[in-house]
Structure formats: structure tokens, C-alpha cells
């Protein structure tokens, strides 16, 4: 496809060089780019109060002209959200997210036994005091092996990870352990009906994710992608687009599915999924190419417009936070602020870039000093997550042209620019040391004043973490409910403070809503084309 657009008095000839893999990104390029492409009002420090009036019409037009996102969640994500109530995740008195990862305890037990210790955990954890006799004495959980009573014998208390419901216990228990609570035939019937493969999936995913992080860490940084995507033709021939450079971002010959168990759902079978239900999310395509518009992998979630991503699961950050060693010692948890749970489909994101694309990062809650001193308990010299994220994008060729940092707590500019901010970001960092508001149309609502000044062909990343639910939750819902924003945000990171037991000491009174509410919000955002990720 060939198109022409005028940008800053320069004629750009839009040529679809790599037709097979560009999806809908190139198809709408020439139709909407000329309307707001010349409005680069976000250059300079005054951009925090940029009006959205000029950008709104073209943003709306491109939103309606672009194909809708088709989102397919990973098996684990779908299972957990569908059974959120059964798992106790609707609990407003703090749900336990780490109940999904008992294998950490079992691994720790193996380590203790190898060291000659008898102080193991998993036997206690897989039989929990929260599973009261009242819960276990109903017909569904009758213990036919206990012939002396209709009620199973009392269970020993757990110490570190708690199953809030019998359902949660069953979703993880082996046939042998579950036989303690129910007749073996009953268990087999329930297993076939509900497909109790959650623990196996999560344990396999843990291994795949470790390999993914190894490949990301060892990935050799690439130059600015725009240098390869923007093709300048000689003799006044204009500027075209070539996405061939995007192939250099592929971590595996078969793309991300090749890392996470391969295609065919990662199981080697040709069945669409091991679920017996008829949910429309079922995977059916056996192609493992990252450029397809169909999910081929059981372990990753997939959006037809932005590619693969990690499944949305508790504890809403690195699942290694649930590691038994750190929870058992009750000391600082070094995984609290880690980003190793995030999965980015950089090849797919690369194919959305156009010759006029501006790379933009909007950071709401940019307290660099706090995170620089946070190693899991608010002390020491820990990681700076937002800088880690910026570095990650830069490693894969996404060099941000503009970084907007909103922070309400006053910080000396000499400290921000002289010490906290890496020197390489000085030229494109806009420090805005004021609070934000959720009021629609207000100049201090960054969605209005900053985001809406860009267009669909720009690459925009939004991070929201201001620890004030009364402001940040409405902003997240504005992203969800306003179609103007749906095609403007390419990645969204949000620390949603809900009633999660593991984070209750840190989040305190800022917690509003339930884990189930959060899972549904993030799923809804992904469904409408906003790739949402939990932020630590």
C-alpha cells in the first residue's frame, strides 16, 4: 500500500514494505496522519498545559477507523478471573494472592531437606486452618475415607501461604492430597469437569518466564529503531517506512511462543485449549509466528493489535514475591519492586511505528528519590523501577523523545537533574513538580493536557502510581471509557491499590476495591486495546 502525508512541510511517501507482518498499523497511516501530525505542541517544558482541542477530532477519527482489538487471555488468567469468587479474590478483608504459588514452598522444602533440616513447610501449607470444618463438611467435600464422622479431621495450621477457600486448595492439590478431603472418584470427576491444571501451568510458566528474562538480559542493545524504519528516498523521493528492522528484536526464531512452550498452547497438542468449556477466548491457531493475529500459546495473553503479554494474576507484581524464603524470614523482600514478571512483545510494538512517530513516556507519580531508596521495605539502595523500564525500552530501540514526570512532593531540581535522573535522559525529560487531578478537561489531568496532544501513530507509554486511589482509579477508568484514548496508549502500567493481603502493610488506607475488581479492570482495558500491566 502507498500513501502520502504532509508533515512539517515534508512529503512522506508511505510504502508498506513488509505487508505480511504489519497488521493494522500501516493500513491507516496515510488516512489520519495529516490531520494532527503537524501539531507537535508537546515540544518544550510548557507542554504540561497543552490543550487537547486540536488533537481530539483526528484521534476520534482514527479510533473508529482502526480494527478492534481481539484479546485472548492465557489459560491461567482466564481461570483465575472466572473463578475469582471461588478463590476468595472478592474478599474486601484482603485476599491472599500468593495462594496461587505453593510450589515455591515445595522447592524451599527440598532445599531444607537437602541441608538436613526437618523444618519443612509444604505439608502444613497444603492443609490450612482457613479450610474450616464448616467448609469441608458439605456434600461436595465429603470425606468418604473418614468412616467415623461426616466431618473430616481438623487440619493443621498453615504458616506462610493461605488458601482462602476449599476451591483454592483443590485447584492446587495433588490427587493424593485431595483424596484426604473427598472420595477419589469424586476428585477425578471434578478434575475432568474443571480442568485442575492451574498449579502445573503456573509452575511451567515460572520456568518459561525465567528463560525469557535471561534472553532479555543478554539481548544486545540495538540503535534507535526509527533509523531503520524511516527510509529516505534519494532525489526528493520522500520518506517511506520499512519494518524489516523489527525482526532484530525477536528473542526466539518462533517469537515469544517459542520461549513459552511453543505454539499449540505450549502443550504439543493440536487442541485449542485443555479447557472443556466453550469460552470464546479459546485458542485455535497452531501458527507460532509472532505476527499473526491469533493467540497460539496457552501461557501468554495476546492482543491482536499489540501482541503477547504476561497473564494478569495476583499478587499483581512479580510472583517471586511469594517465594517462601522471603515470606518465611519476614524480612525485606528484594522482589517487591522487580519488573521480571512483565512480558513485552517488542517486535510487534516495533511494527506500529511510523516515520512520524514520536516516542512518549508519561509518568504520573515520578518520585525518583523514593524508589531509589526502596529495596522492599523503604530502606537501602534498591532499584529505580521507572528508570529500569526506560532502560528496557531503550535496549530494544525505543528511545523516548519526551518523558513527562508529574510528582506532587517537592523535590529540589538540583537533586532531580543533578543526581537522580540519568544523564542520558536530561535532554528529553520534562519535570512537572505538581500534583495531578482526575477532573476531565483540567490542565493538570495529563490524559487531557499531554496524552490527547499526540496521535495514533505516536508511541505512548503511560505509568500511573500516585498512591491516591481517589485520583488514580478515576483516571484509569477514563482510559477505559473514553474512546479517544483507546488508540493513543500503546502501553499502560498501573499500581492498583486493592485489598491484597501481601501488600496491605505497605498500602494501608489507600486500598479500595478487591483483587477481583482489579483483574476485571485490567482485562477490560486490554479488551479495548489498552495493553495494561500491573506496576510494582
Protein backbone atom coordinates (compact mmCIF):
# COMPACT_ATOMS: atom_id res chain seq x y z
CA UNK A 1 0.00 0.00 0.00
CA UNK A 2 1.24 3.51 -0.83
CA UNK A 3 0.09 6.72 0.80
CA UNK A 4 1.24 10.32 1.03
CA UNK A 5 1.19 12.65 4.03
CA UNK A 6 2.48 16.16 4.65
CA UNK A 7 4.37 16.70 7.90
CA UNK A 8 6.31 19.90 8.75
CA UNK A 9 6.41 20.87 5.07
CA UNK A 10 7.93 17.50 4.15
CA UNK A 11 6.22 14.99 1.88
CA UNK A 12 6.25 11.44 3.28
CA UNK A 13 5.57 8.56 0.92
CA UNK A 14 4.14 5.71 2.93
CA UNK A 15 5.14 2.35 1.46
CA UNK A 16 4.08 -0.92 3.05
CA UNK A 17 7.31 -2.89 2.52
CA UNK A 18 6.56 -5.80 4.84
CA UNK A 19 2.93 -6.41 4.01
CA UNK A 20 2.54 -9.73 5.78
CA UNK A 21 3.52 -8.64 9.27
CA UNK A 22 2.36 -5.09 9.82
CA UNK A 23 -1.22 -5.79 10.86
CA UNK A 24 -3.43 -2.72 11.03
CA UNK A 25 -0.64 -0.30 11.85
CA UNK A 26 0.19 0.60 8.24
CA UNK A 27 -3.31 0.32 6.88
CA UNK A 28 -4.50 3.57 8.45
CA UNK A 29 -1.26 5.51 8.21
CA UNK A 30 -1.96 7.91 5.40
CA UNK A 31 -5.60 8.47 6.23
CA UNK A 32 -5.17 10.05 9.66
CA UNK A 33 -1.61 11.23 9.86
CA UNK A 34 -2.04 14.56 8.13
CA UNK A 35 -4.75 15.83 10.45
CA UNK A 36 -2.68 16.24 13.63
CA UNK A 37 0.79 15.23 12.56
CA UNK A 38 1.89 18.86 12.37
CA UNK A 39 0.70 19.64 15.86
CA UNK A 40 3.85 18.97 17.84
CA UNK A 41 2.81 21.28 20.62
CA UNK A 42 4.28 18.94 23.19
CA UNK A 43 7.85 20.06 22.50
CA UNK A 44 9.31 22.07 25.35
CA UNK A 45 8.59 22.47 29.01
CA UNK A 46 5.29 24.24 28.53
CA UNK A 47 3.61 21.11 27.24
CA UNK A 48 2.09 20.18 30.59
CA UNK A 49 -0.79 22.55 29.88
CA UNK A 50 -1.21 21.69 26.22
CA UNK A 51 -4.85 21.86 25.17
CA UNK A 52 -6.38 18.76 23.61
CA UNK A 53 -8.79 20.62 21.33
CA UNK A 54 -6.76 20.31 18.15
CA UNK A 55 -5.95 16.64 18.61
CA UNK A 56 -9.40 15.40 19.54
CA UNK A 57 -11.04 15.19 16.08
CA UNK A 58 -8.23 13.22 14.44
CA UNK A 59 -7.83 10.95 17.44
CA UNK A 60 -11.52 10.14 17.33
CA UNK A 61 -11.40 9.51 13.60
CA UNK A 62 -8.50 7.09 13.83
CA UNK A 63 -10.10 5.28 16.76
CA UNK A 64 -13.16 4.48 14.68
CA UNK A 65 -11.18 3.64 11.56
CA UNK A 66 -8.89 1.08 13.18
CA UNK A 67 -9.81 -2.55 13.57
CA UNK A 68 -10.98 -3.55 17.04
CA UNK A 69 -8.64 -5.42 19.35
CA UNK A 70 -9.26 -9.12 19.86
CA UNK A 71 -7.87 -10.13 23.24
CA UNK A 72 -7.22 -13.74 24.25
CA UNK A 73 -6.14 -14.30 27.86
CA UNK A 74 -3.74 -17.00 28.92
CA UNK A 75 -5.29 -20.09 30.49
CA UNK A 76 -4.16 -19.08 33.99
CA UNK A 77 -5.54 -15.54 33.64
CA UNK A 78 -8.88 -16.79 32.39
CA UNK A 79 -9.14 -19.48 35.05
CA UNK A 80 -8.36 -17.10 37.92
CA UNK A 81 -10.77 -14.37 36.81
CA UNK A 82 -13.58 -16.81 36.04
CA UNK A 83 -13.14 -18.39 39.49
CA UNK A 84 -12.20 -15.20 41.36
CA UNK A 85 -15.07 -15.59 43.83
CA UNK A 86 -14.30 -19.27 44.32
CA UNK A 87 -10.67 -18.33 45.11
CA UNK A 88 -11.71 -15.67 47.62
CA UNK A 89 -10.40 -12.79 45.49
CA UNK A 90 -13.59 -10.81 46.03
CA UNK A 91 -12.63 -10.53 49.72
CA UNK A 92 -12.62 -6.94 50.99
CA UNK A 93 -10.67 -8.05 54.07
CA UNK A 94 -7.54 -8.68 51.98
CA UNK A 95 -7.35 -11.64 49.63
CA UNK A 96 -4.24 -13.81 49.51
CA UNK A 97 -2.58 -13.60 46.11
CA UNK A 98 0.28 -15.95 46.96
CA UNK A 99 -2.11 -18.88 47.39
CA UNK A 100 -1.58 -19.44 43.64
CA UNK A 101 2.09 -20.35 44.08
CA UNK A 102 2.54 -23.18 46.63
CA UNK A 103 5.33 -24.69 44.50
CA UNK A 104 7.69 -22.07 45.91
CA UNK A 105 7.20 -23.65 49.31
CA UNK A 106 7.76 -27.14 47.96
CA UNK A 107 11.02 -26.04 46.32
CA UNK A 108 12.13 -24.46 49.57
CA UNK A 109 11.32 -27.68 51.39
CA UNK A 110 13.57 -29.59 49.00
CA UNK A 111 16.36 -27.16 49.77
CA UNK A 112 15.83 -27.55 53.53
CA UNK A 113 15.76 -31.33 53.30
CA UNK A 114 18.95 -31.31 51.24
CA UNK A 115 20.54 -29.30 54.04
CA UNK A 116 19.40 -31.88 56.59
CA UNK A 117 16.57 -29.83 58.07
CA UNK A 118 13.21 -31.31 59.04
CA UNK A 119 11.56 -27.90 59.34
CA UNK A 120 9.55 -28.09 56.11
CA UNK A 121 6.56 -26.03 55.07
CA UNK A 122 4.57 -27.60 52.26
CA UNK A 123 2.77 -30.26 54.31
CA UNK A 124 1.37 -27.52 56.51
CA UNK A 125 0.55 -25.19 53.64
CA UNK A 126 -1.43 -27.74 51.68
CA UNK A 127 -3.70 -28.32 54.65
CA UNK A 128 -4.79 -24.98 56.00
CA UNK A 129 -6.64 -23.77 59.06
CA UNK A 130 -8.73 -21.48 56.85
CA UNK A 131 -10.27 -24.64 55.41
CA UNK A 132 -12.55 -24.96 58.40
CA UNK A 133 -14.62 -27.99 59.23
CA UNK A 134 -17.69 -26.00 58.22
CA UNK A 135 -16.33 -25.54 54.71
CA UNK A 136 -15.17 -29.11 54.36
CA UNK A 137 -18.24 -30.84 55.74
CA UNK A 138 -20.59 -30.13 52.84
CA UNK A 139 -21.59 -32.79 50.34
CA UNK A 140 -19.14 -31.64 47.68
CA UNK A 141 -16.19 -32.09 50.03
CA UNK A 142 -17.35 -35.10 51.98
CA UNK A 143 -14.51 -37.30 53.20
CA UNK A 144 -15.51 -40.86 52.44
CA UNK A 145 -12.20 -42.09 53.82
CA UNK A 146 -13.23 -40.92 57.30
CA UNK A 147 -15.79 -43.57 58.23
CA UNK A 148 -16.21 -42.43 61.84
CA UNK A 149 -17.57 -38.98 61.11
CA UNK A 150 -19.29 -36.94 58.46
CA UNK A 151 -16.70 -34.22 59.10
CA UNK A 152 -13.03 -34.55 58.12
CA UNK A 153 -10.48 -34.44 60.92
CA UNK A 154 -9.10 -30.99 61.84
CA UNK A 155 -6.32 -29.76 59.58
CA UNK A 156 -3.01 -28.47 60.95
CA UNK A 157 -2.47 -24.72 60.57
CA UNK A 158 -0.51 -23.20 57.71
CA UNK A 159 2.27 -20.72 58.30
CA UNK A 160 3.09 -18.69 55.21
CA UNK A 161 0.61 -19.15 52.36
CA UNK A 162 -3.11 -19.49 52.96
CA UNK A 163 -5.83 -20.98 50.81
CA UNK A 164 -8.92 -18.92 51.47
CA UNK A 165 -11.40 -21.44 50.11
CA UNK A 166 -11.72 -25.15 49.52
CA UNK A 167 -11.76 -24.37 45.81
CA UNK A 168 -8.33 -22.77 46.06
CA UNK A 169 -6.99 -25.82 47.83
CA UNK A 170 -8.41 -28.18 45.21
CA UNK A 171 -7.04 -26.14 42.33
CA UNK A 172 -3.55 -26.93 43.56
CA UNK A 173 -3.75 -30.21 45.42
CA UNK A 174 -2.42 -33.45 44.00
CA UNK A 175 -4.85 -36.39 43.74
CA UNK A 176 -3.24 -37.94 46.80
CA UNK A 177 -3.70 -34.85 48.96
CA UNK A 178 -7.20 -34.18 47.70
CA UNK A 179 -8.19 -37.78 48.50
CA UNK A 180 -7.90 -36.76 52.15
CA UNK A 181 -10.90 -34.49 51.62
CA UNK A 182 -13.02 -36.31 49.08
CA UNK A 183 -13.63 -39.64 47.50
CA UNK A 184 -11.05 -40.34 44.79
CA UNK A 185 -13.74 -40.95 42.18
CA UNK A 186 -15.31 -37.61 43.03
CA UNK A 187 -11.97 -35.93 42.58
CA UNK A 188 -11.38 -37.46 39.16
CA UNK A 189 -14.84 -36.35 38.04
CA UNK A 190 -14.25 -32.80 39.26
CA UNK A 191 -10.81 -32.74 37.69
CA UNK A 192 -12.28 -33.62 34.29
CA UNK A 193 -15.06 -31.07 34.73
CA UNK A 194 -12.97 -28.10 35.84
CA UNK A 195 -9.51 -28.96 34.48
CA UNK A 196 -7.39 -28.55 37.59
CA UNK A 197 -4.17 -27.66 35.79
CA UNK A 198 -3.55 -24.28 37.39
CA UNK A 199 -0.58 -25.22 39.52
CA UNK A 200 1.07 -27.12 36.65
CA UNK A 201 0.54 -24.16 34.33
CA UNK A 202 1.95 -21.65 36.80
CA UNK A 203 4.97 -23.77 37.60
CA UNK A 204 5.77 -24.27 33.92
CA UNK A 205 5.18 -20.58 33.27
CA UNK A 206 7.66 -19.76 36.04
CA UNK A 207 10.34 -21.68 34.17
CA UNK A 208 9.49 -20.12 30.81
CA UNK A 209 9.49 -16.64 32.34
CA UNK A 210 12.96 -17.22 33.79
CA UNK A 211 14.23 -18.11 30.32
CA UNK A 212 12.53 -15.04 28.84
CA UNK A 213 14.24 -12.80 31.39
CA UNK A 214 17.58 -14.45 30.68
CA UNK A 215 17.18 -13.69 26.97
CA UNK A 216 16.10 -10.10 27.67
CA UNK A 217 19.05 -9.51 29.97
CA UNK A 218 21.53 -10.92 27.43
CA UNK A 219 19.94 -9.10 24.49
CA UNK A 220 22.47 -6.80 22.79
CA UNK A 221 21.09 -3.24 22.66
CA UNK A 222 20.01 -2.04 19.23
CA UNK A 223 20.18 1.52 17.82
CA UNK A 224 17.16 3.79 17.63
CA UNK A 225 14.56 1.86 15.61
CA UNK A 226 13.48 4.98 13.77
CA UNK A 227 16.81 4.99 11.94
CA UNK A 228 15.80 1.74 10.23
CA UNK A 229 12.06 2.33 9.96
CA UNK A 230 12.29 5.79 8.37
CA UNK A 231 13.58 5.27 4.82
CA UNK A 232 14.70 8.43 3.00
CA UNK A 233 14.49 8.05 -0.78
CA UNK A 234 17.05 9.96 -2.85
CA UNK A 235 16.37 12.82 -5.26
CA UNK A 236 13.37 14.15 -3.38
CA UNK A 237 11.59 10.81 -3.44
CA UNK A 238 10.15 11.38 0.02
CA UNK A 239 10.27 9.16 3.10
CA UNK A 240 8.94 5.62 3.30
CA UNK A 241 8.62 3.02 6.05
CA UNK A 242 10.40 -0.33 6.36
CA UNK A 243 9.70 -2.60 9.33
CA UNK A 244 12.38 -5.15 8.48
CA UNK A 245 14.45 -3.87 11.42
CA UNK A 246 11.71 -5.13 13.78
CA UNK A 247 12.84 -8.70 13.12
CA UNK A 248 16.07 -7.96 15.01
CA UNK A 249 14.04 -7.72 18.21
CA UNK A 250 12.91 -11.35 18.06
CA UNK A 251 14.24 -13.26 21.06
CA UNK A 252 13.50 -16.69 19.57
CA UNK A 253 13.11 -17.94 15.99
CA UNK A 254 9.44 -18.67 16.72
CA UNK A 255 8.88 -15.43 18.59
CA UNK A 256 7.65 -15.33 22.18
CA UNK A 257 5.61 -18.55 21.85
CA UNK A 258 8.90 -20.31 21.14
CA UNK A 259 10.10 -19.30 24.62
CA UNK A 260 6.87 -20.06 26.43
CA UNK A 261 6.40 -23.69 25.43
CA UNK A 262 5.92 -23.25 21.68
CA UNK A 263 2.69 -22.99 19.69
CA UNK A 264 -0.34 -25.26 20.01
CA UNK A 265 -0.81 -23.83 23.53
CA UNK A 266 2.64 -24.93 24.62
CA UNK A 267 1.47 -28.48 25.15
CA UNK A 268 2.40 -30.06 21.84
CA UNK A 269 -1.24 -30.94 21.21
CA UNK A 270 -3.38 -29.54 18.42
CA UNK A 271 -6.40 -29.00 20.63
CA UNK A 272 -7.42 -25.38 21.03
CA UNK A 273 -7.14 -25.50 24.81
CA UNK A 274 -7.35 -28.03 27.60
CA UNK A 275 -10.43 -26.31 28.97
CA UNK A 276 -13.64 -28.19 28.43
CA UNK A 277 -15.74 -25.04 28.30
CA UNK A 278 -16.79 -23.21 25.15
CA UNK A 279 -15.41 -19.83 26.13
CA UNK A 280 -14.80 -17.59 23.12
CA UNK A 281 -11.26 -16.98 24.38
CA UNK A 282 -10.24 -20.47 23.29
CA UNK A 283 -7.02 -20.64 21.31
CA UNK A 284 -7.24 -22.37 17.93
CA UNK A 285 -4.38 -21.28 15.68
CA UNK A 286 -1.33 -23.53 15.57
CA UNK A 287 0.89 -20.91 13.89
CA UNK A 288 3.75 -19.81 16.13
CA UNK A 289 4.67 -16.66 14.22
CA UNK A 290 4.61 -13.53 16.38
CA UNK A 291 2.99 -11.58 13.56
CA UNK A 292 -0.29 -13.49 13.48
CA UNK A 293 -3.49 -12.02 14.90
CA UNK A 294 -4.38 -15.17 16.84
CA UNK A 295 -3.09 -16.42 20.17
CA UNK A 296 -1.21 -19.68 19.74
CA UNK A 297 0.09 -20.04 23.27
CA UNK A 298 -1.52 -21.28 26.47
CA UNK A 299 0.82 -19.47 28.84
CA UNK A 300 0.76 -15.92 27.43
CA UNK A 301 -2.08 -13.49 26.88
CA UNK A 302 -2.41 -11.97 23.43
CA UNK A 303 -3.93 -8.87 21.80
CA UNK A 304 -4.32 -8.78 18.04
CA UNK A 305 -3.04 -5.19 17.93
CA UNK A 306 -0.10 -5.28 20.36
CA UNK A 307 0.92 -8.93 20.58
CA UNK A 308 1.81 -11.05 23.60
CA UNK A 309 1.92 -10.05 27.27
CA UNK A 310 2.10 -11.66 30.68
CA UNK A 311 -1.14 -13.05 32.18
CA UNK A 312 -2.92 -10.83 34.70
CA UNK A 313 -2.57 -12.61 38.04
CA UNK A 314 -2.14 -11.97 41.75
CA UNK A 315 -0.06 -10.84 43.57
CA UNK A 316 -0.16 -8.07 40.92
CA UNK A 317 3.63 -7.86 40.66
CA UNK A 318 6.50 -10.36 40.47
CA UNK A 319 5.17 -13.76 41.52
CA UNK A 320 8.59 -14.37 43.06
CA UNK A 321 7.38 -12.08 45.80
CA UNK A 322 5.66 -15.23 47.04
CA UNK A 323 8.95 -17.08 47.41
CA UNK A 324 8.83 -18.98 50.68
CA UNK A 325 12.29 -17.89 51.74
CA UNK A 326 11.45 -14.19 51.84
CA UNK A 327 7.99 -14.70 53.31
CA UNK A 328 9.28 -17.12 55.93
CA UNK A 329 12.06 -14.81 57.09
CA UNK A 330 9.63 -11.89 57.26
CA UNK A 331 12.45 -9.55 56.29
CA UNK A 332 12.79 -7.13 53.37
CA UNK A 333 11.58 -8.73 50.17
CA UNK A 334 14.01 -7.86 47.37
CA UNK A 335 11.48 -8.86 44.71
CA UNK A 336 8.92 -6.24 45.78
CA UNK A 337 9.94 -3.69 43.13
CA UNK A 338 11.26 -6.04 40.43
CA UNK A 339 9.93 -5.94 36.87
CA UNK A 340 10.78 -9.54 35.98
CA UNK A 341 7.10 -10.51 35.64
CA UNK A 342 6.48 -8.17 32.68
CA UNK A 343 6.46 -9.59 29.14
CA UNK A 344 6.77 -7.21 26.17
CA UNK A 345 6.29 -8.12 22.53
CA UNK A 346 8.82 -5.58 21.25
CA UNK A 347 8.81 -6.92 17.70
CA UNK A 348 5.06 -6.40 17.47
CA UNK A 349 5.30 -2.95 19.06
CA UNK A 350 8.04 -2.01 16.62
CA UNK A 351 5.71 -2.71 13.70
CA UNK A 352 3.32 0.01 14.93
CA UNK A 353 5.96 2.73 14.46
CA UNK A 354 5.65 5.11 11.51
CA UNK A 355 8.10 7.67 10.03
CA UNK A 356 6.40 10.46 12.01
CA UNK A 357 6.12 8.54 15.31
CA UNK A 358 7.11 10.35 18.47
CA UNK A 359 8.05 8.13 21.42
CA UNK A 360 6.45 9.46 24.61
CA UNK A 361 6.53 8.38 28.26
CA UNK A 362 4.00 9.94 30.68
CA UNK A 363 4.92 9.22 34.30
CA UNK A 364 2.26 10.09 36.89
CA UNK A 365 4.00 9.60 40.23
CA UNK A 366 7.64 10.27 39.34
CA UNK A 367 9.25 10.26 42.79
CA UNK A 368 12.71 9.13 41.75
CA UNK A 369 14.16 9.71 45.20
CA UNK A 370 11.69 7.40 46.97
CA UNK A 371 12.24 4.48 44.64
CA UNK A 372 15.99 4.99 44.63
CA UNK A 373 15.92 4.25 48.35
CA UNK A 374 13.45 1.37 48.28
CA UNK A 375 14.78 -2.17 48.48
CA UNK A 376 11.50 -3.72 49.53
CA UNK A 377 10.94 -2.15 52.90
CA UNK A 378 11.65 1.51 52.19
CA UNK A 379 15.32 1.38 53.13
CA UNK A 380 18.66 1.00 51.42
CA UNK A 381 19.65 1.45 47.81
CA UNK A 382 17.20 -0.57 45.78
CA UNK A 383 16.18 -0.47 42.10
CA UNK A 384 14.50 2.51 40.45
CA UNK A 385 11.70 0.75 38.53
CA UNK A 386 10.83 3.58 36.15
CA UNK A 387 14.47 4.00 35.13
CA UNK A 388 14.71 0.23 34.65
CA UNK A 389 11.67 0.39 32.38
CA UNK A 390 13.10 3.28 30.36
CA UNK A 391 16.37 1.37 30.00
CA UNK A 392 14.48 -1.73 28.85
CA UNK A 393 12.71 0.17 26.10
CA UNK A 394 15.96 1.81 25.07
CA UNK A 395 17.70 -1.57 24.86
CA UNK A 396 15.10 -2.63 22.29
CA UNK A 397 15.46 0.57 20.27
CA UNK A 398 12.61 2.65 21.71
CA UNK A 399 14.38 5.92 22.56
CA UNK A 400 11.82 8.29 24.07
CA UNK A 401 11.63 11.78 22.60
CA UNK A 402 9.62 13.12 25.52
CA UNK A 403 9.40 11.96 29.15
CA UNK A 404 6.89 13.81 31.34
CA UNK A 405 7.35 13.35 35.07
CA UNK A 406 4.50 14.50 37.36
CA UNK A 407 5.22 14.43 41.09
CA UNK A 408 3.35 16.23 43.89
CA UNK A 409 6.09 16.01 46.53
CA UNK A 410 8.51 18.89 46.14
CA UNK A 411 11.98 17.89 45.05
CA UNK A 412 14.93 20.20 44.52
CA UNK A 413 15.56 20.44 40.75
CA UNK A 414 19.27 20.30 41.51
CA UNK A 415 18.70 16.88 43.05
CA UNK A 416 16.42 15.65 40.23
CA UNK A 417 18.61 16.76 37.35
CA UNK A 418 21.95 16.69 39.13
CA UNK A 419 21.77 13.26 40.81
CA UNK A 420 18.59 11.19 40.44
CA UNK A 421 17.91 11.34 36.71
CA UNK A 422 20.42 9.52 34.49
CA UNK A 423 22.30 11.98 32.32
CA UNK A 424 21.14 10.39 29.06
CA UNK A 425 17.56 11.50 29.78
CA UNK A 426 18.31 15.17 30.55
CA UNK A 427 17.62 16.39 27.01
CA UNK A 428 14.08 14.96 26.82
CA UNK A 429 12.86 14.94 30.43
CA UNK A 430 10.08 17.36 31.45
CA UNK A 431 9.95 17.62 35.27
CA UNK A 432 6.49 18.83 36.38
CA UNK A 433 6.61 19.12 40.17
CA UNK A 434 2.87 19.42 40.84
CA UNK A 435 0.09 17.04 41.67
CA UNK A 436 -2.35 15.73 39.08
CA UNK A 437 -6.13 15.71 39.05
CA UNK A 438 -8.77 13.33 37.78
CA UNK A 439 -11.00 16.23 36.66
CA UNK A 440 -11.82 15.85 32.98
CA UNK A 441 -10.58 18.70 30.81
CA UNK A 442 -8.35 20.12 33.57
CA UNK A 443 -4.85 21.24 32.59
CA UNK A 444 -3.35 19.08 35.36
CA UNK A 445 -5.10 15.97 34.10
CA UNK A 446 -2.24 14.50 32.00
CA UNK A 447 -4.65 12.47 29.88
CA UNK A 448 -6.20 15.74 28.73
CA UNK A 449 -3.20 18.08 28.61
CA UNK A 450 -0.46 15.68 27.46
CA UNK A 451 -1.84 12.43 26.03
CA UNK A 452 -4.54 13.94 23.83
CA UNK A 453 -1.95 16.16 22.17
CA UNK A 454 -0.48 13.12 20.44
CA UNK A 455 -1.93 10.90 17.76
CA UNK A 456 -2.34 7.22 16.97
CA UNK A 457 0.93 6.98 15.06
CA UNK A 458 2.92 8.11 18.09
CA UNK A 459 4.18 5.51 20.56
CA UNK A 460 2.88 6.47 24.00
CA UNK A 461 3.58 4.74 27.32
CA UNK A 462 1.63 5.79 30.44
CA UNK A 463 2.60 4.94 34.02
CA UNK A 464 0.21 5.69 36.91
CA UNK A 465 1.31 5.31 40.54
CA UNK A 466 0.48 8.23 42.84
CA UNK A 467 -0.74 6.17 45.83
CA UNK A 468 -4.05 8.07 45.90
CA UNK A 469 -6.94 5.87 44.82
CA UNK A 470 -9.45 8.73 44.66
CA UNK A 471 -7.45 10.21 41.75
CA UNK A 472 -5.73 7.31 40.01
CA UNK A 473 -8.71 4.94 39.81
CA UNK A 474 -10.90 7.54 38.02
CA UNK A 475 -8.00 8.22 35.64
CA UNK A 476 -7.74 4.51 34.84
CA UNK A 477 -11.47 4.45 34.15
CA UNK A 478 -11.14 7.47 31.86
CA UNK A 479 -8.66 5.45 29.82
CA UNK A 480 -11.20 2.65 29.72
CA UNK A 481 -14.31 4.68 28.97
CA UNK A 482 -13.13 7.45 26.62
CA UNK A 483 -12.62 6.09 23.07
CA UNK A 484 -10.31 8.99 22.27
CA UNK A 485 -7.65 7.38 24.46
CA UNK A 486 -8.06 3.78 23.31
CA UNK A 487 -5.81 4.14 20.27
CA UNK A 488 -3.39 6.63 21.82
CA UNK A 489 -1.94 4.46 24.60
CA UNK A 490 0.48 1.75 23.49
CA UNK A 491 1.36 0.50 27.00
CA UNK A 492 -0.17 1.27 30.41
CA UNK A 493 1.35 0.48 33.82
CA UNK A 494 -0.73 0.99 36.97
CA UNK A 495 -0.24 0.08 40.62
CA UNK A 496 -3.83 -0.55 41.66
CA UNK A 497 -4.18 -0.45 45.45
CA UNK A 498 -6.85 -3.03 46.27
CA UNK A 499 -7.38 -5.34 49.25
CA UNK A 500 -4.43 -7.69 48.73
CA UNK A 501 -3.11 -9.27 51.94
CA UNK A 502 0.54 -9.39 50.91
CA UNK A 503 0.65 -5.63 50.24
CA UNK A 504 -1.73 -4.47 52.97
CA UNK A 505 1.07 -3.33 55.32
CA UNK A 506 2.51 -1.09 52.57
CA UNK A 507 -0.74 0.12 51.00
CA UNK A 508 -2.70 0.73 54.20
CA UNK A 509 -5.68 3.04 53.84
CA UNK A 510 -5.10 3.58 50.11
CA UNK A 511 -6.68 0.17 49.39
CA UNK A 512 -10.05 0.42 47.64
CA UNK A 513 -11.86 -2.46 45.96
CA UNK A 514 -10.94 -6.12 45.61
CA UNK A 515 -8.39 -8.17 43.71
CA UNK A 516 -11.23 -9.40 41.51
CA UNK A 517 -12.13 -5.77 40.70
CA UNK A 518 -8.54 -5.12 39.64
CA UNK A 519 -8.30 -8.23 37.48
CA UNK A 520 -11.52 -7.23 35.73
CA UNK A 521 -10.41 -3.60 35.19
CA UNK A 522 -7.11 -4.62 33.63
CA UNK A 523 -8.85 -7.26 31.49
CA UNK A 524 -11.35 -4.66 30.29
CA UNK A 525 -8.52 -2.29 29.37
CA UNK A 526 -6.79 -5.00 27.36
CA UNK A 527 -10.07 -5.89 25.68
CA UNK A 528 -10.47 -2.37 24.24
CA UNK A 529 -6.86 -2.17 23.05
CA UNK A 530 -5.02 -0.62 26.02
CA UNK A 531 -2.24 -3.07 26.99
CA UNK A 532 -2.45 -2.81 30.79
CA UNK A 533 0.19 -4.16 33.17
CA UNK A 534 0.36 -4.21 36.95
CA UNK A 535 3.04 -1.85 38.26
CA UNK A 536 5.04 -2.60 41.43
